């Protein structure tokens, strides 16, 4: 398992970070494609669990929100929510009239997917558009959260004994959580020092603070996705990335990290 995770990371991480470095429209379109594919995995999990969903409506709603984030402001994007909800609701009414007793539950799950992947997922685009150094802010945020994840996994695997969520995920330990958070703090300092020439406004303190905050953020994102997968009765969202699962499995902490990163940099005036 560890060997597969390392090999997949050696392929996936450089591609993602390389496109993030390019930033601009290239990164926006790449992230839109990633979120759209994650929507496909999400719809597939729902269908396997017995929910009659519309992948076209679900993925289309996700792509529509990411496109609006690229082309307009957040306030304009919010105007699309009634339309998207109405479309999903009409589909649910139609399914109920065709003997789907779980039509409302399917509607709720689909709407959550649109919020999670379309609204929250698009914060990667918001971060990319944040000032002239948006691509560097994306790189710092994503790089840090991946280091937090790696630190929590390696330290938890080696020293983990105290389960935080024993019923949901016994392998998520206090030792791994603390270790990942400390890795984030130290990595934040190191990254801020290395990038002082291109991102001097970050500074050692802010780098450390961002890395520290990404510890609980990554844990929360991973735990929430574990809850969803446990509810759907699956171990992984897909099989695209050996050792990691699907694309959705890799986005669990990254989505929340970009939300945190966006507001972190806005509030600190970067």
Protein backbone atom coordinates (compact mmCIF):
# COMPACT_ATOMS: atom_id res chain seq x y z
CA UNK A 1 0.00 0.00 0.00
CA UNK A 2 2.76 2.47 0.94
CA UNK A 3 4.67 1.68 -2.27
CA UNK A 4 1.54 2.30 -4.36
CA UNK A 5 0.85 5.58 -2.56
CA UNK A 6 4.41 6.79 -3.16
CA UNK A 7 4.42 5.82 -6.85
CA UNK A 8 1.04 7.49 -7.45
CA UNK A 9 2.18 10.61 -5.62
CA UNK A 10 5.34 10.79 -7.73
CA UNK A 11 3.13 11.02 -10.83
CA UNK A 12 0.09 12.96 -9.61
CA UNK A 13 1.72 15.57 -7.35
CA UNK A 14 4.21 17.01 -9.89
CA UNK A 15 1.47 17.27 -12.54
CA UNK A 16 -0.93 19.06 -10.20
CA UNK A 17 1.70 21.38 -8.74
CA UNK A 18 3.12 22.10 -12.19
CA UNK A 19 -0.27 23.20 -13.49
CA UNK A 20 -0.86 25.18 -10.28
CA UNK A 21 2.45 26.97 -10.90
CA UNK A 22 1.28 27.97 -14.39
CA UNK A 23 -1.88 29.37 -12.79
CA UNK A 24 -4.32 31.50 -14.73
CA UNK A 25 -6.79 29.97 -17.17
CA UNK A 26 -4.78 26.75 -17.48
CA UNK A 27 -5.20 25.96 -13.79
CA UNK A 28 -8.86 27.02 -13.80
CA UNK A 29 -9.70 24.65 -16.66
CA UNK A 30 -7.66 21.83 -15.12
CA UNK A 31 -9.42 22.20 -11.78
CA UNK A 32 -12.79 22.29 -13.52
CA UNK A 33 -11.96 18.99 -15.23
CA UNK A 34 -10.80 17.47 -11.94
CA UNK A 35 -13.98 18.54 -10.13
CA UNK A 36 -16.12 17.27 -13.00
CA UNK A 37 -14.45 13.85 -12.83
CA UNK A 38 -14.85 13.85 -9.04
CA UNK A 39 -18.55 14.52 -9.66
CA UNK A 40 -18.66 11.42 -11.85
CA UNK A 41 -17.11 9.36 -9.04
CA UNK A 42 -19.57 10.86 -6.56
CA UNK A 43 -22.56 10.00 -8.77
CA UNK A 44 -21.21 6.48 -9.28
CA UNK A 45 -21.02 5.93 -5.52
CA UNK A 46 -24.61 7.10 -5.09
CA UNK A 47 -25.83 4.79 -7.84
CA UNK A 48 -23.97 1.80 -6.37
CA UNK A 49 -25.64 2.54 -3.03
CA UNK A 50 -29.05 2.31 -4.71
CA UNK A 51 -29.85 6.00 -5.19
CA UNK A 52 -31.31 6.97 -8.56
CA UNK A 53 -29.39 10.09 -9.48
CA UNK A 54 -28.71 12.06 -12.65
CA UNK A 55 -24.97 12.22 -13.38
CA UNK A 56 -25.68 14.74 -16.15
CA UNK A 57 -27.49 17.15 -13.80
CA UNK A 58 -24.97 16.63 -11.00
CA UNK A 59 -21.83 17.06 -13.11
CA UNK A 60 -23.43 19.85 -15.15
CA UNK A 61 -24.24 21.78 -11.97
CA UNK A 62 -20.67 21.39 -10.70
CA UNK A 63 -19.20 22.57 -14.00
CA UNK A 64 -21.65 25.49 -14.16
CA UNK A 65 -20.60 26.74 -10.72
CA UNK A 66 -16.89 26.44 -11.46
CA UNK A 67 -17.37 28.26 -14.75
CA UNK A 68 -19.27 31.05 -13.01
CA UNK A 69 -16.47 31.32 -10.43
CA UNK A 70 -14.00 31.73 -13.31
CA UNK A 71 -16.00 34.36 -15.17
CA UNK A 72 -17.89 36.32 -12.52
CA UNK A 73 -18.11 37.22 -8.85
CA UNK A 74 -19.36 35.08 -5.98
CA UNK A 75 -22.53 37.20 -5.74
CA UNK A 76 -23.43 36.42 -9.35
CA UNK A 77 -22.73 32.74 -8.74
CA UNK A 78 -25.23 32.70 -5.86
CA UNK A 79 -27.98 33.71 -8.27
CA UNK A 80 -27.57 30.34 -9.98
CA UNK A 81 -28.38 28.34 -6.84
CA UNK A 82 -32.20 28.53 -7.11
CA UNK A 83 -31.98 27.37 -10.72
CA UNK A 84 -29.70 24.45 -9.88
CA UNK A 85 -31.79 23.37 -6.92
CA UNK A 86 -34.97 23.61 -8.98
CA UNK A 87 -33.46 21.42 -11.69
CA UNK A 88 -32.46 18.73 -9.20
CA UNK A 89 -35.83 19.01 -7.45
CA UNK A 90 -37.79 18.55 -10.69
CA UNK A 91 -35.74 15.43 -11.38
CA UNK A 92 -36.52 14.15 -7.85
CA UNK A 93 -40.26 14.77 -8.35
CA UNK A 94 -40.16 12.91 -11.65
CA UNK A 95 -38.31 9.96 -10.07
CA UNK A 96 -40.78 9.78 -7.18
CA UNK A 97 -43.68 9.63 -9.62
CA UNK A 98 -41.85 6.70 -11.24
CA UNK A 99 -41.79 4.69 -8.01
CA UNK A 100 -38.49 5.89 -6.50
CA UNK A 101 -39.29 6.01 -2.77
CA UNK A 102 -35.83 7.45 -2.01
CA UNK A 103 -36.21 10.39 -4.40
CA UNK A 104 -35.89 13.02 -1.66
CA UNK A 105 -32.81 11.35 -0.13
CA UNK A 106 -31.27 11.26 -3.61
CA UNK A 107 -32.04 14.97 -4.01
CA UNK A 108 -30.30 15.78 -0.71
CA UNK A 109 -27.21 13.74 -1.61
CA UNK A 110 -26.99 15.31 -5.07
CA UNK A 111 -27.37 18.83 -3.69
CA UNK A 112 -24.64 18.14 -1.16
CA UNK A 113 -22.39 17.02 -4.01
CA UNK A 114 -23.04 20.26 -5.88
CA UNK A 115 -22.21 22.31 -2.77
CA UNK A 116 -19.14 20.24 -1.93
CA UNK A 117 -17.59 19.96 -5.39
CA UNK A 118 -19.12 22.95 -7.18
CA UNK A 119 -19.24 25.67 -4.54
CA UNK A 120 -16.44 24.66 -2.16
CA UNK A 121 -14.31 23.00 -4.84
CA UNK A 122 -14.26 26.23 -6.85
CA UNK A 123 -12.40 27.99 -4.03
CA UNK A 124 -9.26 26.71 -5.73
CA UNK A 125 -10.19 29.08 -8.56
CA UNK A 126 -10.88 31.89 -6.06
CA UNK A 127 -7.43 31.38 -4.56
CA UNK A 128 -5.84 31.32 -8.02
CA UNK A 129 -7.48 34.68 -8.81
CA UNK A 130 -6.35 36.30 -5.55
CA UNK A 131 -4.01 39.09 -6.61
CA UNK A 132 -0.98 38.82 -8.86
CA UNK A 133 0.55 35.98 -6.81
CA UNK A 134 -2.50 33.71 -6.88
CA UNK A 135 -0.63 30.80 -8.42
CA UNK A 136 1.94 30.92 -5.61
CA UNK A 137 -0.83 31.02 -3.00
CA UNK A 138 -2.35 27.90 -4.57
CA UNK A 139 1.04 26.19 -4.55
CA UNK A 140 1.69 27.06 -0.90
CA UNK A 141 -1.76 25.97 0.27
CA UNK A 142 -1.94 22.71 -1.66
CA UNK A 143 1.70 21.85 -1.00
CA UNK A 144 1.23 22.39 2.73
CA UNK A 145 -1.97 20.36 3.04
CA UNK A 146 -0.39 17.45 1.17
CA UNK A 147 2.60 17.56 3.51
CA UNK A 148 0.18 17.59 6.46
CA UNK A 149 -1.61 14.55 5.03
CA UNK A 150 1.67 12.73 4.43
CA UNK A 151 2.95 13.55 7.90
CA UNK A 152 -0.29 12.41 9.56
CA UNK A 153 -0.25 9.16 7.57
CA UNK A 154 3.40 8.29 8.22
CA UNK A 155 3.42 9.30 11.91
CA UNK A 156 0.02 7.74 12.55
CA UNK A 157 1.07 4.49 10.88
CA UNK A 158 4.27 4.33 12.93
CA UNK A 159 3.20 5.69 16.32
CA UNK A 160 -0.60 5.88 16.24
CA UNK A 161 -2.37 4.24 19.19
CA UNK A 162 -5.15 6.60 20.31
CA UNK A 163 -8.10 6.54 17.91
CA UNK A 164 -9.95 9.85 17.57
CA UNK A 165 -12.93 8.46 15.65
CA UNK A 166 -12.88 4.76 16.59
CA UNK A 167 -16.25 3.95 15.03
CA UNK A 168 -15.82 5.89 11.81
CA UNK A 169 -12.12 5.40 11.14
CA UNK A 170 -9.98 3.56 13.74
CA UNK A 171 -6.79 4.42 11.83
CA UNK A 172 -7.23 8.15 12.43
CA UNK A 173 -5.20 8.62 15.60
CA UNK A 174 -4.37 11.49 17.91
CA UNK A 175 -0.68 10.85 17.29
CA UNK A 176 -1.18 11.14 13.53
CA UNK A 177 -3.26 14.30 13.94
CA UNK A 178 -0.67 16.00 16.18
CA UNK A 179 2.18 14.81 13.97
CA UNK A 180 0.53 16.09 10.80
CA UNK A 181 -0.19 19.46 12.42
CA UNK A 182 3.42 19.83 13.55
CA UNK A 183 4.64 18.86 10.08
CA UNK A 184 2.37 21.58 8.69
CA UNK A 185 3.74 24.18 11.10
CA UNK A 186 7.38 23.36 10.34
CA UNK A 187 6.74 23.02 6.61
CA UNK A 188 4.98 26.40 6.64
CA UNK A 189 8.08 28.03 8.10
CA UNK A 190 10.36 26.28 5.62
CA UNK A 191 8.20 27.12 2.58
CA UNK A 192 7.89 30.77 3.66
CA UNK A 193 11.68 30.96 3.97
CA UNK A 194 12.30 29.29 0.60
CA UNK A 195 9.76 31.55 -1.15
CA UNK A 196 10.80 34.80 0.54
CA UNK A 197 12.08 36.07 -2.80
CA UNK A 198 8.81 35.54 -4.71
CA UNK A 199 6.31 35.76 -1.84
CA UNK A 200 7.93 38.03 0.79
CA UNK A 201 4.55 39.06 2.18
CA UNK A 202 3.96 35.53 3.50
CA UNK A 203 6.67 35.63 6.17
CA UNK A 204 7.71 32.95 8.64
CA UNK A 205 4.93 33.60 11.16
CA UNK A 206 2.13 33.56 8.61
CA UNK A 207 3.60 30.48 6.95
CA UNK A 208 3.72 28.70 10.30
CA UNK A 209 0.18 29.78 11.17
CA UNK A 210 -1.22 28.58 7.84
CA UNK A 211 0.55 25.23 8.18
CA UNK A 212 -0.71 24.85 11.75
CA UNK A 213 -4.32 25.63 10.77
CA UNK A 214 -4.18 23.16 7.91
CA UNK A 215 -3.63 20.33 10.42
CA UNK A 216 -7.20 20.30 11.80
CA UNK A 217 -8.54 21.39 8.40
CA UNK A 218 -7.07 18.34 6.67
CA UNK A 219 -8.31 16.05 9.43
CA UNK A 220 -11.83 17.45 9.15
CA UNK A 221 -11.91 17.10 5.37
CA UNK A 222 -10.68 13.52 5.50
CA UNK A 223 -13.12 12.59 8.27
CA UNK A 224 -16.10 14.09 6.40
CA UNK A 225 -15.27 12.11 3.27
CA UNK A 226 -14.85 8.96 5.39
CA UNK A 227 -18.33 9.55 6.81
CA UNK A 228 -19.79 9.83 3.32
CA UNK A 229 -17.99 6.74 2.03
CA UNK A 230 -19.02 4.76 5.12
CA UNK A 231 -22.63 5.83 4.51
CA UNK A 232 -22.36 4.70 0.88
CA UNK A 233 -20.71 1.42 1.92
CA UNK A 234 -17.48 1.89 -0.09
CA UNK A 235 -13.81 2.03 0.85
CA UNK A 236 -12.61 4.32 -1.94
CA UNK A 237 -14.38 6.73 -4.28
CA UNK A 238 -12.60 5.24 -7.30
CA UNK A 239 -9.55 3.39 -8.57
CA UNK A 240 -7.82 5.97 -10.75
CA UNK A 241 -4.92 6.52 -8.32
CA UNK A 242 -3.48 3.23 -6.97
CA UNK A 243 -2.94 3.40 -3.22
CA UNK A 244 -5.04 6.57 -2.95
CA UNK A 245 -8.36 5.56 -4.47
CA UNK A 246 -10.12 7.99 -6.78
CA UNK A 247 -9.78 11.68 -7.50
CA UNK A 248 -12.42 12.42 -4.88
CA UNK A 249 -10.28 10.69 -2.26
CA UNK A 250 -7.44 13.12 -2.97
CA UNK A 251 -9.70 16.18 -2.87
CA UNK A 252 -11.12 15.56 0.61
CA UNK A 253 -8.61 17.73 2.47
CA UNK A 254 -7.53 19.88 -0.48
CA UNK A 255 -11.00 21.37 -1.00
CA UNK A 256 -11.23 22.61 2.58
CA UNK A 257 -7.60 23.76 2.43
CA UNK A 258 -8.34 26.07 -0.51
CA UNK A 259 -11.36 27.47 1.34
CA UNK A 260 -9.19 28.17 4.39
CA UNK A 261 -6.35 29.50 2.23
CA UNK A 262 -8.61 31.92 0.38
CA UNK A 263 -9.96 33.56 3.54
CA UNK A 264 -6.59 33.31 5.32
CA UNK A 265 -4.89 35.37 2.61
CA UNK A 266 -7.82 37.78 2.25
CA UNK A 267 -7.95 38.51 5.98
CA UNK A 268 -4.18 38.93 6.24
CA UNK A 269 -4.13 41.25 3.26
CA UNK A 270 -1.87 39.18 1.02
